């Protein structure tokens, strides 16, 4: 500051302090002015002290910082740079189940960044500040995917997958032309052993009575209801219907096949019904 008038020295200090902080994100550099962070340097006090200090002496610049302003800025930046984890999931490609990739997420270490900004402002440092992140793991990894079912309506086939691996294929019966099995993406919503059969609100069942568990039950010994009203996968005492469009919309299986499948299903299992 030697040789400068006080106002000239103050202007030089203000200009130097006003240099932006550089924050390094994974994709870009962000520049933010100290003023935007609520920082206020005590320029007049520093220049006054410098006037009475020996030549070459280092005179500290005291800086008042707003923790609230810094915290608010960091939180806003965090919302921009955070990434939610992406879980793997089972999707249908044609008539085949595929697994999407899982991806880690990230969460800005907000306390660490707030501290680094305060230190940079108070010490008048302007070295780039590299953001640090906590890694967020997805809820479901590809190797943890559960079962899935694909029903080929025209072919009267049921494919059972674990993850994206085909485990077994079964012959089934699907709906009559007048009562077609619905197409679309569904999921298992209920699993029942030895179920009662209750007449659905449809004309073909208008004069029917409920049927308790037993050999004559049209649902066999297992019921796997899907998220389409009154439709499910179940066993049938009429094994001769397997391979045909013979039901009132449900997916019939041989009783032993339905019992095998039931043990491997869970509520939430995706069920894809395709026209093929």
C-alpha atoms as a PDB file:
ATOM      1  CA  UNK A   1       0.000   0.000   0.000  1.00  0.00           C
ATOM      2  CA  UNK A   2       3.082   2.191   0.101  1.00  0.00           C
ATOM      3  CA  UNK A   3       2.795   5.383  -1.931  1.00  0.00           C
ATOM      4  CA  UNK A   4      -1.011   5.221  -2.133  1.00  0.00           C
ATOM      5  CA  UNK A   5      -3.452   7.656  -0.653  1.00  0.00           C
ATOM      6  CA  UNK A   6      -5.929   6.071   1.793  1.00  0.00           C
ATOM      7  CA  UNK A   7      -8.846   6.183  -0.654  1.00  0.00           C
ATOM      8  CA  UNK A   8      -6.661   4.603  -3.349  1.00  0.00           C
ATOM      9  CA  UNK A   9      -5.543   1.846  -0.983  1.00  0.00           C
ATOM     10  CA  UNK A  10      -9.140   1.209   0.109  1.00  0.00           C
ATOM     11  CA  UNK A  11     -10.292   0.923  -3.506  1.00  0.00           C
ATOM     12  CA  UNK A  12      -7.498  -1.543  -4.232  1.00  0.00           C
ATOM     13  CA  UNK A  13      -8.426  -3.688  -1.208  1.00  0.00           C
ATOM     14  CA  UNK A  14     -12.106  -3.667  -2.138  1.00  0.00           C
ATOM     15  CA  UNK A  15     -11.324  -4.662  -5.700  1.00  0.00           C
ATOM     16  CA  UNK A  16      -9.072  -7.501  -4.582  1.00  0.00           C
ATOM     17  CA  UNK A  17     -11.606  -8.818  -2.080  1.00  0.00           C
ATOM     18  CA  UNK A  18     -14.422  -8.678  -4.647  1.00  0.00           C
ATOM     19  CA  UNK A  19     -12.784 -11.436  -6.708  1.00  0.00           C
ATOM     20  CA  UNK A  20     -15.261 -14.308  -6.997  1.00  0.00           C
ATOM     21  CA  UNK A  21     -14.903 -17.630  -5.257  1.00  0.00           C
ATOM     22  CA  UNK A  22     -14.618 -20.526  -7.699  1.00  0.00           C
ATOM     23  CA  UNK A  23     -16.545 -23.672  -6.798  1.00  0.00           C
ATOM     24  CA  UNK A  24     -15.738 -26.770  -8.823  1.00  0.00           C
ATOM     25  CA  UNK A  25     -18.722 -29.072  -9.403  1.00  0.00           C
ATOM     26  CA  UNK A  26     -18.552 -32.399 -11.272  1.00  0.00           C
ATOM     27  CA  UNK A  27     -19.715 -30.732 -14.488  1.00  0.00           C
ATOM     28  CA  UNK A  28     -18.744 -27.055 -14.322  1.00  0.00           C
ATOM     29  CA  UNK A  29     -17.162 -24.224 -12.386  1.00  0.00           C
ATOM     30  CA  UNK A  30     -19.411 -21.868 -10.454  1.00  0.00           C
ATOM     31  CA  UNK A  31     -18.255 -18.340  -9.634  1.00  0.00           C
ATOM     32  CA  UNK A  32     -19.904 -16.483  -6.806  1.00  0.00           C
ATOM     33  CA  UNK A  33     -19.167 -12.963  -5.599  1.00  0.00           C
ATOM     34  CA  UNK A  34     -18.351 -12.486  -1.898  1.00  0.00           C
ATOM     35  CA  UNK A  35     -21.063  -9.813  -1.727  1.00  0.00           C
ATOM     36  CA  UNK A  36     -23.654 -12.415  -2.811  1.00  0.00           C
ATOM     37  CA  UNK A  37     -22.637 -14.472   0.208  1.00  0.00           C
ATOM     38  CA  UNK A  38     -23.094 -11.553   2.603  1.00  0.00           C
ATOM     39  CA  UNK A  39     -19.357 -11.009   3.219  1.00  0.00           C
ATOM     40  CA  UNK A  40     -18.327  -7.515   4.387  1.00  0.00           C
ATOM     41  CA  UNK A  41     -14.605  -6.661   4.635  1.00  0.00           C
ATOM     42  CA  UNK A  42     -13.484  -4.055   7.173  1.00  0.00           C
ATOM     43  CA  UNK A  43     -11.543  -2.097   4.536  1.00  0.00           C
ATOM     44  CA  UNK A  44     -11.343   1.249   6.349  1.00  0.00           C
ATOM     45  CA  UNK A  45      -9.995  -0.380   9.493  1.00  0.00           C
ATOM     46  CA  UNK A  46      -7.371  -2.333   7.537  1.00  0.00           C
ATOM     47  CA  UNK A  47      -6.165   0.749   5.641  1.00  0.00           C
ATOM     48  CA  UNK A  48      -6.008   2.789   8.845  1.00  0.00           C
ATOM     49  CA  UNK A  49      -3.867   0.133  10.534  1.00  0.00           C
ATOM     50  CA  UNK A  50      -1.627  -0.118   7.485  1.00  0.00           C
ATOM     51  CA  UNK A  51      -0.850   3.618   7.640  1.00  0.00           C
ATOM     52  CA  UNK A  52       0.749   3.202  11.050  1.00  0.00           C
ATOM     53  CA  UNK A  53       2.478  -0.140  10.401  1.00  0.00           C
ATOM     54  CA  UNK A  54       6.105  -0.517   9.436  1.00  0.00           C
ATOM     55  CA  UNK A  55       6.818  -0.903   5.702  1.00  0.00           C
ATOM     56  CA  UNK A  56       6.271  -4.442   4.464  1.00  0.00           C
ATOM     57  CA  UNK A  57       4.191  -5.472   7.452  1.00  0.00           C
ATOM     58  CA  UNK A  58       1.232  -7.792   6.872  1.00  0.00           C
ATOM     59  CA  UNK A  59      -2.017  -6.206   7.972  1.00  0.00           C
ATOM     60  CA  UNK A  60      -4.964  -8.604   8.330  1.00  0.00           C
ATOM     61  CA  UNK A  61      -8.267  -7.822   6.639  1.00  0.00           C
ATOM     62  CA  UNK A  62     -11.111  -8.617   8.995  1.00  0.00           C
ATOM     63  CA  UNK A  63     -14.186  -9.964   7.214  1.00  0.00           C
ATOM     64  CA  UNK A  64     -17.673 -10.340   8.609  1.00  0.00           C
ATOM     65  CA  UNK A  65     -19.523 -13.285   7.096  1.00  0.00           C
ATOM     66  CA  UNK A  66     -23.189 -14.238   7.217  1.00  0.00           C
ATOM     67  CA  UNK A  67     -23.588 -17.887   8.103  1.00  0.00           C
ATOM     68  CA  UNK A  68     -27.256 -17.724   7.094  1.00  0.00           C
ATOM     69  CA  UNK A  69     -26.457 -16.316   3.645  1.00  0.00           C
ATOM     70  CA  UNK A  70     -23.761 -18.906   3.071  1.00  0.00           C
ATOM     71  CA  UNK A  71     -25.999 -21.709   4.289  1.00  0.00           C
ATOM     72  CA  UNK A  72     -28.815 -20.560   2.013  1.00  0.00           C
ATOM     73  CA  UNK A  73     -26.518 -20.357  -0.999  1.00  0.00           C
ATOM     74  CA  UNK A  74     -25.060 -23.804  -0.342  1.00  0.00           C
ATOM     75  CA  UNK A  75     -28.525 -25.294   0.032  1.00  0.00           C
ATOM     76  CA  UNK A  76     -29.614 -23.756  -3.279  1.00  0.00           C
ATOM     77  CA  UNK A  77     -26.483 -25.060  -4.993  1.00  0.00           C
ATOM     78  CA  UNK A  78     -27.066 -28.468  -3.441  1.00  0.00           C
ATOM     79  CA  UNK A  79     -30.491 -28.692  -5.027  1.00  0.00           C
ATOM     80  CA  UNK A  80     -28.831 -28.100  -8.397  1.00  0.00           C
ATOM     81  CA  UNK A  81     -26.002 -30.607  -8.085  1.00  0.00           C
ATOM     82  CA  UNK A  82     -27.584 -33.367  -5.989  1.00  0.00           C
ATOM     83  CA  UNK A  83     -28.573 -36.480  -7.893  1.00  0.00           C
ATOM     84  CA  UNK A  84     -31.094 -39.019  -6.643  1.00  0.00           C
ATOM     85  CA  UNK A  85     -30.035 -42.663  -6.919  1.00  0.00           C
ATOM     86  CA  UNK A  86     -31.769 -44.702  -9.589  1.00  0.00           C
ATOM     87  CA  UNK A  87     -32.879 -48.206  -8.708  1.00  0.00           C
ATOM     88  CA  UNK A  88     -32.790 -51.022 -11.190  1.00  0.00           C
ATOM     89  CA  UNK A  89     -36.188 -52.164 -12.350  1.00  0.00           C
ATOM     90  CA  UNK A  90     -37.737 -54.770 -14.577  1.00  0.00           C
ATOM     91  CA  UNK A  91     -39.217 -53.537 -17.840  1.00  0.00           C
ATOM     92  CA  UNK A  92     -40.742 -55.212 -20.838  1.00  0.00           C
ATOM     93  CA  UNK A  93     -38.977 -55.160 -24.187  1.00  0.00           C
ATOM     94  CA  UNK A  94     -41.237 -56.807 -26.722  1.00  0.00           C
ATOM     95  CA  UNK A  95     -42.259 -59.947 -24.859  1.00  0.00           C
ATOM     96  CA  UNK A  96     -39.050 -60.244 -22.832  1.00  0.00           C
ATOM     97  CA  UNK A  97     -38.196 -58.901 -19.403  1.00  0.00           C
ATOM     98  CA  UNK A  98     -35.101 -56.726 -19.197  1.00  0.00           C
ATOM     99  CA  UNK A  99     -33.399 -55.094 -16.215  1.00  0.00           C
ATOM    100  CA  UNK A 100     -32.549 -51.397 -16.286  1.00  0.00           C
ATOM    101  CA  UNK A 101     -29.257 -50.315 -14.773  1.00  0.00           C
ATOM    102  CA  UNK A 102     -29.010 -48.971 -11.271  1.00  0.00           C
ATOM    103  CA  UNK A 103     -27.075 -45.747 -10.697  1.00  0.00           C
ATOM    104  CA  UNK A 104     -25.582 -44.206  -7.573  1.00  0.00           C
ATOM    105  CA  UNK A 105     -26.780 -40.797  -6.502  1.00  0.00           C
ATOM    106  CA  UNK A 106     -24.905 -38.036  -4.735  1.00  0.00           C
ATOM    107  CA  UNK A 107     -25.603 -35.495  -2.038  1.00  0.00           C
ATOM    108  CA  UNK A 108     -23.529 -32.357  -1.611  1.00  0.00           C
ATOM    109  CA  UNK A 109     -21.598 -32.255   1.675  1.00  0.00           C
ATOM    110  CA  UNK A 110     -23.216 -29.011   2.708  1.00  0.00           C
ATOM    111  CA  UNK A 111     -21.460 -28.529   6.054  1.00  0.00           C
ATOM    112  CA  UNK A 112     -18.020 -29.029   4.493  1.00  0.00           C
ATOM    113  CA  UNK A 113     -18.719 -26.563   1.687  1.00  0.00           C
ATOM    114  CA  UNK A 114     -20.137 -23.929   4.054  1.00  0.00           C
ATOM    115  CA  UNK A 115     -17.005 -24.191   6.188  1.00  0.00           C
ATOM    116  CA  UNK A 116     -14.694 -23.940   3.166  1.00  0.00           C
ATOM    117  CA  UNK A 117     -16.494 -20.828   1.921  1.00  0.00           C
ATOM    118  CA  UNK A 118     -16.268 -19.131   5.321  1.00  0.00           C
ATOM    119  CA  UNK A 119     -12.555 -19.855   5.546  1.00  0.00           C
ATOM    120  CA  UNK A 120     -11.935 -18.584   2.009  1.00  0.00           C
ATOM    121  CA  UNK A 121     -13.786 -15.348   2.727  1.00  0.00           C
ATOM    122  CA  UNK A 122     -12.147 -14.699   6.089  1.00  0.00           C
ATOM    123  CA  UNK A 123      -8.641 -15.387   4.778  1.00  0.00           C
ATOM    124  CA  UNK A 124      -9.213 -13.672   1.405  1.00  0.00           C
ATOM    125  CA  UNK A 125      -8.216 -16.917  -0.335  1.00  0.00           C
ATOM    126  CA  UNK A 126      -9.421 -17.613  -3.854  1.00  0.00           C
ATOM    127  CA  UNK A 127      -8.092 -21.061  -4.646  1.00  0.00           C
ATOM    128  CA  UNK A 128     -10.788 -23.179  -6.329  1.00  0.00           C
ATOM    129  CA  UNK A 129     -12.996 -25.082  -3.884  1.00  0.00           C
ATOM    130  CA  UNK A 130     -13.816 -28.574  -5.090  1.00  0.00           C
ATOM    131  CA  UNK A 131     -17.233 -29.797  -3.980  1.00  0.00           C
ATOM    132  CA  UNK A 132     -17.407 -33.088  -2.098  1.00  0.00           C
ATOM    133  CA  UNK A 133     -20.356 -35.458  -2.136  1.00  0.00           C
ATOM    134  CA  UNK A 134     -21.793 -38.334  -0.154  1.00  0.00           C
ATOM    135  CA  UNK A 135     -22.609 -41.339  -2.319  1.00  0.00           C
ATOM    136  CA  UNK A 136     -26.251 -42.436  -2.261  1.00  0.00           C
ATOM    137  CA  UNK A 137     -26.821 -46.069  -3.097  1.00  0.00           C
ATOM    138  CA  UNK A 138     -29.940 -47.120  -5.014  1.00  0.00           C
ATOM    139  CA  UNK A 139     -32.616 -48.971  -3.113  1.00  0.00           C
ATOM    140  CA  UNK A 140     -32.562 -51.856  -5.592  1.00  0.00           C
ATOM    141  CA  UNK A 141     -29.446 -53.042  -7.417  1.00  0.00           C
ATOM    142  CA  UNK A 142     -29.688 -55.079 -10.617  1.00  0.00           C
ATOM    143  CA  UNK A 143     -28.558 -58.235  -8.823  1.00  0.00           C
ATOM    144  CA  UNK A 144     -31.326 -57.823  -6.230  1.00  0.00           C
ATOM    145  CA  UNK A 145     -34.274 -57.686  -8.604  1.00  0.00           C
ATOM    146  CA  UNK A 146     -37.087 -60.063  -7.767  1.00  0.00           C
ATOM    147  CA  UNK A 147     -39.547 -62.084  -9.829  1.00  0.00           C
ATOM    148  CA  UNK A 148     -41.606 -61.007 -12.817  1.00  0.00           C
ATOM    149  CA  UNK A 149     -44.238 -62.673 -14.970  1.00  0.00           C
ATOM    150  CA  UNK A 150     -44.998 -62.270 -18.668  1.00  0.00           C
ATOM    151  CA  UNK A 151     -48.253 -63.701 -19.988  1.00  0.00           C
ATOM    152  CA  UNK A 152     -48.497 -64.280 -23.733  1.00  0.00           C
ATOM    153  CA  UNK A 153     -52.233 -64.101 -24.253  1.00  0.00           C
ATOM    154  CA  UNK A 154     -52.565 -65.492 -27.773  1.00  0.00           C
ATOM    155  CA  UNK A 155     -49.927 -68.172 -27.148  1.00  0.00           C
ATOM    156  CA  UNK A 156     -51.428 -69.138 -23.773  1.00  0.00           C
ATOM    157  CA  UNK A 157     -47.998 -69.138 -22.160  1.00  0.00           C
ATOM    158  CA  UNK A 158     -46.727 -67.780 -18.880  1.00  0.00           C
ATOM    159  CA  UNK A 159     -43.048 -66.922 -18.490  1.00  0.00           C
ATOM    160  CA  UNK A 160     -41.565 -66.665 -15.020  1.00  0.00           C
ATOM    161  CA  UNK A 161     -38.435 -64.559 -14.564  1.00  0.00           C
ATOM    162  CA  UNK A 162     -36.122 -63.846 -11.662  1.00  0.00           C
ATOM    163  CA  UNK A 163     -34.494 -60.541 -12.451  1.00  0.00           C
ATOM    164  CA  UNK A 164     -34.025 -60.641 -16.209  1.00  0.00           C
ATOM    165  CA  UNK A 165     -33.409 -64.401 -16.289  1.00  0.00           C
ATOM    166  CA  UNK A 166     -36.112 -66.667 -17.692  1.00  0.00           C
ATOM    167  CA  UNK A 167     -36.610 -69.511 -15.208  1.00  0.00           C
ATOM    168  CA  UNK A 168     -39.668 -71.427 -16.447  1.00  0.00           C
ATOM    169  CA  UNK A 169     -42.409 -71.301 -19.060  1.00  0.00           C
ATOM    170  CA  UNK A 170     -45.885 -72.696 -18.352  1.00  0.00           C
ATOM    171  CA  UNK A 171     -48.904 -73.448 -20.438  1.00  0.00           C
ATOM    172  CA  UNK A 172     -51.948 -71.512 -19.248  1.00  0.00           C
ATOM    173  CA  UNK A 173     -55.518 -70.762 -20.231  1.00  0.00           C
ATOM    174  CA  UNK A 174     -56.531 -67.170 -20.861  1.00  0.00           C
ATOM    175  CA  UNK A 175     -59.846 -65.427 -21.441  1.00  0.00           C
ATOM    176  CA  UNK A 176     -62.499 -66.308 -23.957  1.00  0.00           C
ATOM    177  CA  UNK A 177     -62.999 -63.832 -26.825  1.00  0.00           C
ATOM    178  CA  UNK A 178     -66.078 -62.538 -25.031  1.00  0.00           C
ATOM    179  CA  UNK A 179     -64.112 -62.133 -21.758  1.00  0.00           C
ATOM    180  CA  UNK A 180     -60.543 -61.355 -22.837  1.00  0.00           C
ATOM    181  CA  UNK A 181     -57.685 -61.279 -20.382  1.00  0.00           C
ATOM    182  CA  UNK A 182     -56.718 -57.600 -20.092  1.00  0.00           C
ATOM    183  CA  UNK A 183     -53.506 -56.402 -21.719  1.00  0.00           C
ATOM    184  CA  UNK A 184     -51.054 -54.112 -19.953  1.00  0.00           C
ATOM    185  CA  UNK A 185     -48.659 -53.789 -17.062  1.00  0.00           C
ATOM    186  CA  UNK A 186     -49.969 -54.942 -13.695  1.00  0.00           C
ATOM    187  CA  UNK A 187     -48.654 -56.208 -10.389  1.00  0.00           C
ATOM    188  CA  UNK A 188     -49.586 -58.804  -7.827  1.00  0.00           C
ATOM    189  CA  UNK A 189     -51.796 -57.273  -5.145  1.00  0.00           C
ATOM    190  CA  UNK A 190     -52.900 -60.320  -3.165  1.00  0.00           C
ATOM    191  CA  UNK A 191     -51.721 -63.887  -2.557  1.00  0.00           C
ATOM    192  CA  UNK A 192     -54.138 -66.427  -1.080  1.00  0.00           C
ATOM    193  CA  UNK A 193     -53.768 -70.095  -0.197  1.00  0.00           C
ATOM    194  CA  UNK A 194     -56.877 -72.258  -0.473  1.00  0.00           C
ATOM    195  CA  UNK A 195     -59.039 -69.304  -1.498  1.00  0.00           C
ATOM    196  CA  UNK A 196     -62.771 -68.962  -1.566  1.00  0.00           C
ATOM    197  CA  UNK A 197     -64.249 -68.186  -4.962  1.00  0.00           C
ATOM    198  CA  UNK A 198     -66.711 -65.306  -4.932  1.00  0.00           C
ATOM    199  CA  UNK A 199     -68.888 -64.509  -7.973  1.00  0.00           C
ATOM    200  CA  UNK A 200     -67.624 -61.377  -9.749  1.00  0.00           C
ATOM    201  CA  UNK A 201     -70.143 -58.700 -10.796  1.00  0.00           C
ATOM    202  CA  UNK A 202     -70.472 -60.084 -14.328  1.00  0.00           C
ATOM    203  CA  UNK A 203     -73.402 -61.550 -16.230  1.00  0.00           C
ATOM    204  CA  UNK A 204     -71.875 -65.018 -16.516  1.00  0.00           C
ATOM    205  CA  UNK A 205     -71.693 -65.309 -12.705  1.00  0.00           C
ATOM    206  CA  UNK A 206     -75.058 -63.732 -11.917  1.00  0.00           C
ATOM    207  CA  UNK A 207     -76.677 -66.871 -10.488  1.00  0.00           C
ATOM    208  CA  UNK A 208     -73.570 -68.352  -8.872  1.00  0.00           C
ATOM    209  CA  UNK A 209     -72.874 -68.869  -5.187  1.00  0.00           C
ATOM    210  CA  UNK A 210     -69.533 -68.570  -3.388  1.00  0.00           C
ATOM    211  CA  UNK A 211     -67.446 -71.745  -3.416  1.00  0.00           C
ATOM    212  CA  UNK A 212     -65.345 -72.680  -0.361  1.00  0.00           C
ATOM    213  CA  UNK A 213     -61.864 -74.188  -0.592  1.00  0.00           C
ATOM    214  CA  UNK A 214     -61.864 -77.744  -1.828  1.00  0.00           C
ATOM    215  CA  UNK A 215     -61.700 -79.966  -4.905  1.00  0.00           C
ATOM    216  CA  UNK A 216     -64.520 -78.175  -6.706  1.00  0.00           C
ATOM    217  CA  UNK A 217     -63.150 -74.658  -6.243  1.00  0.00           C
ATOM    218  CA  UNK A 218     -62.592 -73.053  -9.682  1.00  0.00           C
ATOM    219  CA  UNK A 219     -59.498 -71.265  -8.333  1.00  0.00           C
ATOM    220  CA  UNK A 220     -57.776 -74.492  -7.371  1.00  0.00           C
ATOM    221  CA  UNK A 221     -55.559 -74.101  -4.315  1.00  0.00           C
ATOM    222  CA  UNK A 222     -53.815 -70.770  -5.034  1.00  0.00           C
ATOM    223  CA  UNK A 223     -54.931 -67.273  -6.018  1.00  0.00           C
ATOM    224  CA  UNK A 224     -52.535 -64.548  -7.187  1.00  0.00           C
ATOM    225  CA  UNK A 225     -54.659 -61.471  -7.788  1.00  0.00           C
ATOM    226  CA  UNK A 226     -53.348 -58.750 -10.077  1.00  0.00           C
ATOM    227  CA  UNK A 227     -54.090 -55.029 -10.169  1.00  0.00           C
ATOM    228  CA  UNK A 228     -56.922 -55.457 -12.635  1.00  0.00           C
ATOM    229  CA  UNK A 229     -60.281 -55.934 -10.906  1.00  0.00           C
ATOM    230  CA  UNK A 230     -61.398 -59.552 -10.492  1.00  0.00           C
ATOM    231  CA  UNK A 231     -58.463 -60.893 -12.537  1.00  0.00           C
ATOM    232  CA  UNK A 232     -55.723 -63.150 -11.262  1.00  0.00           C
ATOM    233  CA  UNK A 233     -53.480 -66.134 -11.834  1.00  0.00           C
ATOM    234  CA  UNK A 234     -54.818 -69.304 -10.235  1.00  0.00           C
ATOM    235  CA  UNK A 235     -54.962 -73.045 -10.391  1.00  0.00           C
ATOM    236  CA  UNK A 236     -57.813 -74.870 -12.062  1.00  0.00           C
ATOM    237  CA  UNK A 237     -59.372 -78.305 -11.642  1.00  0.00           C
ATOM    238  CA  UNK A 238     -60.052 -78.215 -15.396  1.00  0.00           C
ATOM    239  CA  UNK A 239     -56.576 -79.128 -16.663  1.00  0.00           C
ATOM    240  CA  UNK A 240     -58.000 -79.802 -20.145  1.00  0.00           C
ATOM    241  CA  UNK A 241     -58.528 -76.047 -20.610  1.00  0.00           C
ATOM    242  CA  UNK A 242     -54.793 -75.317 -20.439  1.00  0.00           C
ATOM    243  CA  UNK A 243     -53.498 -74.074 -23.777  1.00  0.00           C
ATOM    244  CA  UNK A 244     -56.806 -72.522 -24.808  1.00  0.00           C
ATOM    245  CA  UNK A 245     -58.708 -69.269 -24.465  1.00  0.00           C
ATOM    246  CA  UNK A 246     -61.195 -70.707 -22.027  1.00  0.00           C
ATOM    247  CA  UNK A 247     -61.517 -68.514 -18.926  1.00  0.00           C
ATOM    248  CA  UNK A 248     -63.581 -65.462 -18.060  1.00  0.00           C
ATOM    249  CA  UNK A 249     -60.471 -63.260 -18.025  1.00  0.00           C
ATOM    250  CA  UNK A 250     -58.232 -64.929 -15.465  1.00  0.00           C
ATOM    251  CA  UNK A 251     -55.049 -66.853 -16.158  1.00  0.00           C
ATOM    252  CA  UNK A 252     -55.524 -70.518 -15.320  1.00  0.00           C
ATOM    253  CA  UNK A 253     -52.666 -72.881 -14.482  1.00  0.00           C
ATOM    254  CA  UNK A 254     -52.424 -76.518 -13.603  1.00  0.00           C
ATOM    255  CA  UNK A 255     -52.767 -76.808  -9.851  1.00  0.00           C
ATOM    256  CA  UNK A 256     -49.219 -78.080  -9.321  1.00  0.00           C
ATOM    257  CA  UNK A 257     -47.844 -75.280 -11.523  1.00  0.00           C
ATOM    258  CA  UNK A 258     -49.838 -72.643  -9.653  1.00  0.00           C
ATOM    259  CA  UNK A 259     -48.538 -73.947  -6.328  1.00  0.00           C
ATOM    260  CA  UNK A 260     -44.940 -73.835  -7.621  1.00  0.00           C
ATOM    261  CA  UNK A 261     -45.380 -70.279  -8.899  1.00  0.00           C
ATOM    262  CA  UNK A 262     -47.171 -69.107  -5.757  1.00  0.00           C
ATOM    263  CA  UNK A 263     -44.144 -69.971  -3.592  1.00  0.00           C
ATOM    264  CA  UNK A 264     -41.969 -67.660  -5.672  1.00  0.00           C
ATOM    265  CA  UNK A 265     -44.308 -64.696  -6.011  1.00  0.00           C
ATOM    266  CA  UNK A 266     -44.675 -61.688  -3.748  1.00  0.00           C
ATOM    267  CA  UNK A 267     -46.990 -58.722  -3.510  1.00  0.00           C
ATOM    268  CA  UNK A 268     -45.712 -56.134  -5.954  1.00  0.00           C
ATOM    269  CA  UNK A 269     -44.366 -58.649  -8.489  1.00  0.00           C
ATOM    270  CA  UNK A 270     -44.795 -57.097 -11.947  1.00  0.00           C
ATOM    271  CA  UNK A 271     -47.119 -58.921 -14.343  1.00  0.00           C
ATOM    272  CA  UNK A 272     -46.911 -58.006 -18.027  1.00  0.00           C
ATOM    273  CA  UNK A 273     -49.716 -59.249 -20.259  1.00  0.00           C
ATOM    274  CA  UNK A 274     -48.997 -58.973 -23.982  1.00  0.00           C
ATOM    275  CA  UNK A 275     -51.066 -59.955 -27.024  1.00  0.00           C
ATOM    276  CA  UNK A 276     -48.425 -62.252 -28.538  1.00  0.00           C
END
